[in-house]
Amino acid sequence: MVRRTQELYDAVVPGNQAPWKKYFADDSIFADEKGRTMDKPKLVADITPMPPGYSGAIKIEQVQSRIYNNVAILSYNANEKETIFGQNLSARYHITDTWLRRGGNWQIVASQAHRYYEDPAVGKTDSKKFPDFMGAYELAPGQTRKIIAEGDSLFVERSGKKDQLFPEASELFFRKGIEGRILFRYDKNGKVDALIDRRNNEDVVWRKVAN
């Protein structure tokens, strides 16, 4: 099954649909890292060659398996390396496949993938703007957090816990290992009036209550 699984991912770059037709059952379900749920026809149709100028490879690693009679579960990492017109990209996924043996033939009946979170590249910011960001922000009575600066670094502090804010852009920040972004909202007078904690494109707004 490990060999067959690697065969599937070796077929992705050239867009070879044959292994996907062979190893996925007709009644299979595939849920990908983009949130799509596909049946076999849609999954197979999604396997197309990479465009000109694109190349890459996907290797499976850290495979774990469980086998129960006619059912086998394979759980593994898929490490993707991609080159786009000379620029190198990488991504890591975790995938769990359920294989079922019917009529002596093993096929995948369910597969689910998710992409590991990766921090963005650290960008640049202007520390001269830090005084605009600094202060106390309130979510609800008794629920506050502070933005403080130490040298050229910015931090968010809540309940005695302090996390550094790394710039992705001049006024867009992230915390390492934590999904989401922190940004600052300006009022009509050009003053910061809120901190926005953005998660999955949804905003939690903390109102600025003190400088």
C-alpha atoms as a PDB file:
ATOM      1  CA  MET A   1       0.000   0.000   0.000  1.00  0.00           C
ATOM      2  CA  VAL A   2       2.888   2.340   0.689  1.00  0.00           C
ATOM      3  CA  ARG A   3       4.278   1.626  -2.762  1.00  0.00           C
ATOM      4  CA  ARG A   4       0.886   2.192  -4.350  1.00  0.00           C
ATOM      5  CA  THR A   5       0.427   5.425  -2.435  1.00  0.00           C
ATOM      6  CA  GLN A   6       3.772   6.757  -3.660  1.00  0.00           C
ATOM      7  CA  GLU A   7       2.746   5.714  -7.155  1.00  0.00           C
ATOM      8  CA  LEU A   8      -0.328   7.931  -6.818  1.00  0.00           C
ATOM      9  CA  TYR A   9       1.715  10.996  -5.945  1.00  0.00           C
ATOM     10  CA  ASP A  10       4.364  10.290  -8.569  1.00  0.00           C
ATOM     11  CA  ALA A  11       1.499  10.552 -11.059  1.00  0.00           C
ATOM     12  CA  VAL A  12       0.423  14.043  -9.944  1.00  0.00           C
ATOM     13  CA  VAL A  13       3.084  16.117 -11.723  1.00  0.00           C
ATOM     14  CA  PRO A  14       2.653  14.491 -15.168  1.00  0.00           C
ATOM     15  CA  GLY A  15      -1.115  14.363 -14.681  1.00  0.00           C
ATOM     16  CA  ASN A  16      -1.259  10.586 -15.062  1.00  0.00           C
ATOM     17  CA  GLN A  17      -4.775   9.585 -14.045  1.00  0.00           C
ATOM     18  CA  ALA A  18      -4.252   5.823 -14.390  1.00  0.00           C
ATOM     19  CA  PRO A  19      -3.135   5.069 -10.788  1.00  0.00           C
ATOM     20  CA  TRP A  20      -5.954   7.222  -9.413  1.00  0.00           C
ATOM     21  CA  LYS A  21      -8.492   5.298 -11.460  1.00  0.00           C
ATOM     22  CA  LYS A  22      -6.921   2.008 -10.355  1.00  0.00           C
ATOM     23  CA  TYR A  23      -6.453   2.547  -6.626  1.00  0.00           C
ATOM     24  CA  PHE A  24      -9.535   4.598  -5.752  1.00  0.00           C
ATOM     25  CA  ALA A  25     -12.826   2.715  -5.469  1.00  0.00           C
ATOM     26  CA  ASP A  26     -15.751   3.852  -7.590  1.00  0.00           C
ATOM     27  CA  ASP A  27     -17.637   4.818  -4.418  1.00  0.00           C
ATOM     28  CA  SER A  28     -14.696   6.597  -2.780  1.00  0.00           C
ATOM     29  CA  ILE A  29     -14.751   9.997  -1.064  1.00  0.00           C
ATOM     30  CA  PHE A  30     -11.787  12.381  -1.151  1.00  0.00           C
ATOM     31  CA  ALA A  31     -11.583  15.497   1.054  1.00  0.00           C
ATOM     32  CA  ASP A  32      -8.641  17.713   0.148  1.00  0.00           C
ATOM     33  CA  GLU A  33      -6.698  20.464   1.922  1.00  0.00           C
ATOM     34  CA  LYS A  34      -8.752  23.146   0.153  1.00  0.00           C
ATOM     35  CA  GLY A  35     -11.969  21.997   1.794  1.00  0.00           C
ATOM     36  CA  ARG A  36     -13.321  20.271  -1.306  1.00  0.00           C
ATOM     37  CA  THR A  37     -15.091  16.914  -1.061  1.00  0.00           C
ATOM     38  CA  MET A  38     -14.950  14.944  -4.287  1.00  0.00           C
ATOM     39  CA  ASP A  39     -16.224  11.665  -5.620  1.00  0.00           C
ATOM     40  CA  LYS A  40     -14.009   9.558  -7.863  1.00  0.00           C
ATOM     41  CA  PRO A  41     -14.934  11.196 -11.199  1.00  0.00           C
ATOM     42  CA  LYS A  42     -14.207  14.682  -9.823  1.00  0.00           C
ATOM     43  CA  LEU A  43     -10.988  13.512  -8.177  1.00  0.00           C
ATOM     44  CA  VAL A  44      -9.685  11.885 -11.341  1.00  0.00           C
ATOM     45  CA  ALA A  45     -10.624  14.933 -13.416  1.00  0.00           C
ATOM     46  CA  ASP A  46      -8.592  17.072 -11.003  1.00  0.00           C
ATOM     47  CA  ILE A  47      -5.390  15.193 -11.897  1.00  0.00           C
ATOM     48  CA  THR A  48      -3.941  17.204 -14.781  1.00  0.00           C
ATOM     49  CA  PRO A  49      -0.361  17.929 -15.923  1.00  0.00           C
ATOM     50  CA  MET A  50       1.471  20.855 -14.381  1.00  0.00           C
ATOM     51  CA  PRO A  51       1.695  23.902 -16.673  1.00  0.00           C
ATOM     52  CA  PRO A  52       4.849  24.650 -18.682  1.00  0.00           C
ATOM     53  CA  GLY A  53       7.544  26.112 -16.439  1.00  0.00           C
ATOM     54  CA  TYR A  54       6.289  24.167 -13.421  1.00  0.00           C
ATOM     55  CA  SER A  55       7.890  21.027 -11.994  1.00  0.00           C
ATOM     56  CA  GLY A  56       7.983  19.200  -8.715  1.00  0.00           C
ATOM     57  CA  ALA A  57       7.690  16.021  -6.703  1.00  0.00           C
ATOM     58  CA  ILE A  58       5.699  14.687  -3.763  1.00  0.00           C
ATOM     59  CA  LYS A  59       7.268  12.146  -1.414  1.00  0.00           C
ATOM     60  CA  ILE A  60       5.434  10.328   1.357  1.00  0.00           C
ATOM     61  CA  GLU A  61       7.137   9.946   4.738  1.00  0.00           C
ATOM     62  CA  GLN A  62       6.458   8.929   8.339  1.00  0.00           C
ATOM     63  CA  VAL A  63       3.928   6.311   7.333  1.00  0.00           C
ATOM     64  CA  GLN A  64       1.819   4.638  10.000  1.00  0.00           C
ATOM     65  CA  SER A  65      -0.640   1.848   9.328  1.00  0.00           C
ATOM     66  CA  ARG A  66      -3.379  -0.127  11.019  1.00  0.00           C
ATOM     67  CA  ILE A  67      -4.901  -3.253   9.474  1.00  0.00           C
ATOM     68  CA  TYR A  68      -8.152  -4.867  10.607  1.00  0.00           C
ATOM     69  CA  ASN A  69      -9.293  -7.819   8.503  1.00  0.00           C
ATOM     70  CA  ASN A  70     -10.403  -6.254   5.202  1.00  0.00           C
ATOM     71  CA  VAL A  71      -9.720  -2.647   6.244  1.00  0.00           C
ATOM     72  CA  ALA A  72      -6.354  -0.875   6.273  1.00  0.00           C
ATOM     73  CA  ILE A  73      -5.676   2.688   7.408  1.00  0.00           C
ATOM     74  CA  LEU A  74      -2.609   4.497   6.131  1.00  0.00           C
ATOM     75  CA  SER A  75      -1.584   7.806   7.724  1.00  0.00           C
ATOM     76  CA  TYR A  76       1.425   9.734   6.419  1.00  0.00           C
ATOM     77  CA  ASN A  77       3.057  13.039   5.576  1.00  0.00           C
ATOM     78  CA  ALA A  78       3.353  14.182   1.979  1.00  0.00           C
ATOM     79  CA  ASN A  79       6.233  16.570   1.355  1.00  0.00           C
ATOM     80  CA  GLU A  80       5.838  18.618  -1.803  1.00  0.00           C
ATOM     81  CA  LYS A  81       8.653  20.400  -3.622  1.00  0.00           C
ATOM     82  CA  GLU A  82       7.626  22.646  -6.489  1.00  0.00           C
ATOM     83  CA  THR A  83       9.603  24.822  -8.879  1.00  0.00           C
ATOM     84  CA  ILE A  84       7.826  27.626 -10.732  1.00  0.00           C
ATOM     85  CA  PHE A  85      10.018  29.169 -13.408  1.00  0.00           C
ATOM     86  CA  GLY A  86      13.106  28.656 -11.259  1.00  0.00           C
ATOM     87  CA  GLN A  87      11.543  29.684  -7.945  1.00  0.00           C
ATOM     88  CA  ASN A  88      11.362  26.948  -5.317  1.00  0.00           C
ATOM     89  CA  LEU A  89       8.339  26.333  -3.103  1.00  0.00           C
ATOM     90  CA  SER A  90       7.551  23.669  -0.525  1.00  0.00           C
ATOM     91  CA  ALA A  91       4.513  22.455   1.379  1.00  0.00           C
ATOM     92  CA  ARG A  92       3.723  19.696   3.871  1.00  0.00           C
ATOM     93  CA  TYR A  93       0.477  17.782   4.102  1.00  0.00           C
ATOM     94  CA  HIS A  94      -0.879  15.061   6.348  1.00  0.00           C
ATOM     95  CA  ILE A  95      -3.108  12.498   4.694  1.00  0.00           C
ATOM     96  CA  THR A  96      -5.109   9.552   5.995  1.00  0.00           C
ATOM     97  CA  ASP A  97      -6.361   6.908   3.570  1.00  0.00           C
ATOM     98  CA  THR A  98      -8.778   4.085   4.285  1.00  0.00           C
ATOM     99  CA  TRP A  99      -8.249   1.029   2.093  1.00  0.00           C
ATOM    100  CA  LEU A 100     -10.895  -1.673   1.754  1.00  0.00           C
ATOM    101  CA  ARG A 101     -10.375  -5.151   0.335  1.00  0.00           C
ATOM    102  CA  ARG A 102     -13.255  -6.311  -1.823  1.00  0.00           C
ATOM    103  CA  GLY A 103     -13.047  -9.333  -4.072  1.00  0.00           C
ATOM    104  CA  GLY A 104      -9.369  -9.697  -3.195  1.00  0.00           C
ATOM    105  CA  ASN A 105      -8.595  -6.179  -4.416  1.00  0.00           C
ATOM    106  CA  TRP A 106      -7.433  -3.334  -2.152  1.00  0.00           C
ATOM    107  CA  GLN A 107      -8.739   0.130  -3.014  1.00  0.00           C
ATOM    108  CA  ILE A 108      -9.058   3.465  -1.227  1.00  0.00           C
ATOM    109  CA  VAL A 109     -12.633   4.215  -0.161  1.00  0.00           C
ATOM    110  CA  ALA A 110     -11.925   7.397   1.822  1.00  0.00           C
ATOM    111  CA  SER A 111      -9.076   9.887   1.950  1.00  0.00           C
ATOM    112  CA  GLN A 112      -8.648  13.145   3.827  1.00  0.00           C
ATOM    113  CA  ALA A 113      -5.810  15.665   3.579  1.00  0.00           C
ATOM    114  CA  HIS A 114      -4.841  18.821   5.394  1.00  0.00           C
ATOM    115  CA  ARG A 115      -1.940  21.191   4.936  1.00  0.00           C
ATOM    116  CA  TYR A 116       0.376  21.922   7.827  1.00  0.00           C
ATOM    117  CA  TYR A 117       0.416  25.539   8.900  1.00  0.00           C
ATOM    118  CA  GLU A 118       3.600  27.405   8.009  1.00  0.00           C
ATOM    119  CA  ASP A 119       4.541  30.855   9.248  1.00  0.00           C
ATOM    120  CA  PRO A 120       4.887  33.504   6.543  1.00  0.00           C
ATOM    121  CA  ALA A 121       8.232  35.077   5.776  1.00  0.00           C
ATOM    122  CA  VAL A 122       9.171  37.862   8.166  1.00  0.00           C
ATOM    123  CA  GLY A 123       8.885  41.231   6.476  1.00  0.00           C
ATOM    124  CA  LYS A 124       9.869  44.736   7.485  1.00  0.00           C
ATOM    125  CA  THR A 125       8.123  47.311   9.609  1.00  0.00           C
ATOM    126  CA  ASP A 126       8.855  50.842  10.757  1.00  0.00           C
ATOM    127  CA  SER A 127       9.472  50.948  14.506  1.00  0.00           C
ATOM    128  CA  LYS A 128       8.629  54.662  14.426  1.00  0.00           C
ATOM    129  CA  LYS A 129       4.987  53.574  14.088  1.00  0.00           C
ATOM    130  CA  PHE A 130       5.094  51.482  17.263  1.00  0.00           C
ATOM    131  CA  PRO A 131       3.846  54.319  19.508  1.00  0.00           C
ATOM    132  CA  ASP A 132       0.655  54.390  17.405  1.00  0.00           C
ATOM    133  CA  PHE A 133       0.095  50.682  18.101  1.00  0.00           C
ATOM    134  CA  MET A 134       1.063  50.647  21.785  1.00  0.00           C
ATOM    135  CA  GLY A 135      -1.614  50.709  24.452  1.00  0.00           C
ATOM    136  CA  ALA A 136      -4.432  48.682  26.001  1.00  0.00           C
ATOM    137  CA  TYR A 137      -7.189  47.053  23.978  1.00  0.00           C
ATOM    138  CA  GLU A 138     -10.468  45.685  25.323  1.00  0.00           C
ATOM    139  CA  LEU A 139     -12.595  42.864  23.949  1.00  0.00           C
ATOM    140  CA  ALA A 140     -15.149  42.981  26.776  1.00  0.00           C
ATOM    141  CA  PRO A 141     -15.115  44.269  30.367  1.00  0.00           C
ATOM    142  CA  GLY A 142     -12.211  42.578  32.113  1.00  0.00           C
ATOM    143  CA  GLN A 143     -10.850  41.152  28.848  1.00  0.00           C
ATOM    144  CA  THR A 144      -7.859  43.243  27.816  1.00  0.00           C
ATOM    145  CA  ARG A 145      -4.520  42.865  26.103  1.00  0.00           C
ATOM    146  CA  LYS A 146      -1.617  45.258  25.727  1.00  0.00           C
ATOM    147  CA  ILE A 147       0.700  46.088  22.883  1.00  0.00           C
ATOM    148  CA  ILE A 148       4.180  46.963  24.087  1.00  0.00           C
ATOM    149  CA  ALA A 149       7.496  47.627  22.381  1.00  0.00           C
ATOM    150  CA  GLU A 150      10.978  46.555  23.367  1.00  0.00           C
ATOM    151  CA  GLY A 151      13.591  48.097  21.126  1.00  0.00           C
ATOM    152  CA  ASP A 152      12.726  47.261  17.538  1.00  0.00           C
ATOM    153  CA  SER A 153      10.330  44.458  18.529  1.00  0.00           C
ATOM    154  CA  LEU A 154       6.601  44.561  19.167  1.00  0.00           C
ATOM    155  CA  PHE A 155       4.776  42.310  21.639  1.00  0.00           C
ATOM    156  CA  VAL A 156       1.210  41.473  22.601  1.00  0.00           C
ATOM    157  CA  GLU A 157       0.681  40.775  26.304  1.00  0.00           C
ATOM    158  CA  ARG A 158      -2.343  39.225  27.991  1.00  0.00           C
ATOM    159  CA  SER A 159      -2.666  37.792  31.501  1.00  0.00           C
ATOM    160  CA  GLY A 160       1.084  37.947  31.977  1.00  0.00           C
ATOM    161  CA  LYS A 161       1.806  36.006  28.772  1.00  0.00           C
ATOM    162  CA  LYS A 162       3.831  37.868  26.169  1.00  0.00           C
ATOM    163  CA  ASP A 163       4.145  36.923  22.483  1.00  0.00           C
ATOM    164  CA  GLN A 164       6.301  38.671  19.945  1.00  0.00           C
ATOM    165  CA  LEU A 165       4.572  40.107  16.894  1.00  0.00           C
ATOM    166  CA  PHE A 166       6.535  39.545  13.709  1.00  0.00           C
ATOM    167  CA  PRO A 167       5.812  41.772  10.718  1.00  0.00           C
ATOM    168  CA  GLU A 168       4.513  40.225   7.525  1.00  0.00           C
ATOM    169  CA  ALA A 169       4.074  43.729   6.131  1.00  0.00           C
ATOM    170  CA  SER A 170       4.495  47.185   7.649  1.00  0.00           C
ATOM    171  CA  GLU A 171       1.226  47.045   9.623  1.00  0.00           C
ATOM    172  CA  LEU A 172       0.372  43.343   9.433  1.00  0.00           C
ATOM    173  CA  PHE A 173       1.750  41.016  12.115  1.00  0.00           C
ATOM    174  CA  PHE A 174       1.750  37.339  13.083  1.00  0.00           C
ATOM    175  CA  ARG A 175       2.795  35.197  16.035  1.00  0.00           C
ATOM    176  CA  LYS A 176       5.074  32.287  15.255  1.00  0.00           C
ATOM    177  CA  GLY A 177       3.300  28.954  15.200  1.00  0.00           C
ATOM    178  CA  ILE A 178      -0.140  30.548  15.523  1.00  0.00           C
ATOM    179  CA  GLU A 179      -2.548  30.868  12.627  1.00  0.00           C
ATOM    180  CA  GLY A 180      -4.086  34.249  11.986  1.00  0.00           C
ATOM    181  CA  ARG A 181      -2.896  37.829  11.718  1.00  0.00           C
ATOM    182  CA  ILE A 182      -2.970  40.920  13.911  1.00  0.00           C
ATOM    183  CA  LEU A 183      -3.502  44.320  12.331  1.00  0.00           C
ATOM    184  CA  PHE A 184      -4.428  47.776  13.528  1.00  0.00           C
ATOM    185  CA  ARG A 185      -7.447  49.844  12.511  1.00  0.00           C
ATOM    186  CA  TYR A 186      -7.318  53.593  12.040  1.00  0.00           C
ATOM    187  CA  ASP A 187     -10.196  55.999  12.631  1.00  0.00           C
ATOM    188  CA  LYS A 188     -11.087  58.917  10.363  1.00  0.00           C
ATOM    189  CA  ASN A 189      -8.540  61.101  12.158  1.00  0.00           C
ATOM    190  CA  GLY A 190      -5.684  58.714  11.425  1.00  0.00           C
ATOM    191  CA  LYS A 191      -5.443  57.387  14.981  1.00  0.00           C
ATOM    192  CA  VAL A 192      -5.350  53.695  15.849  1.00  0.00           C
ATOM    193  CA  ASP A 193      -8.684  52.855  17.483  1.00  0.00           C
ATOM    194  CA  ALA A 194      -8.701  49.044  17.411  1.00  0.00           C
ATOM    195  CA  LEU A 195      -6.638  45.892  17.183  1.00  0.00           C
ATOM    196  CA  ILE A 196      -8.024  43.290  14.806  1.00  0.00           C
ATOM    197  CA  ASP A 197      -7.329  39.614  15.472  1.00  0.00           C
ATOM    198  CA  ARG A 198      -8.028  38.027  12.089  1.00  0.00           C
ATOM    199  CA  ARG A 199      -8.659  34.290  11.994  1.00  0.00           C
ATOM    200  CA  ASN A 200      -9.670  32.473   8.815  1.00  0.00           C
ATOM    201  CA  ASN A 201     -10.686  35.820   7.308  1.00  0.00           C
ATOM    202  CA  GLU A 202     -12.980  36.598  10.239  1.00  0.00           C
ATOM    203  CA  ASP A 203     -12.211  39.481  12.562  1.00  0.00           C
ATOM    204  CA  VAL A 204     -12.296  39.749  16.334  1.00  0.00           C
ATOM    205  CA  VAL A 205     -12.098  43.458  17.171  1.00  0.00           C
ATOM    206  CA  TRP A 206     -10.398  44.732  20.324  1.00  0.00           C
ATOM    207  CA  ARG A 207     -11.212  48.400  20.998  1.00  0.00           C
ATOM    208  CA  LYS A 208      -8.343  50.636  22.084  1.00  0.00           C
ATOM    209  CA  VAL A 209      -9.032  52.010  25.560  1.00  0.00           C
ATOM    210  CA  ALA A 210      -5.690  53.501  26.613  1.00  0.00           C
ATOM    211  CA  ASN A 211      -2.382  54.596  25.138  1.00  0.00           C
END
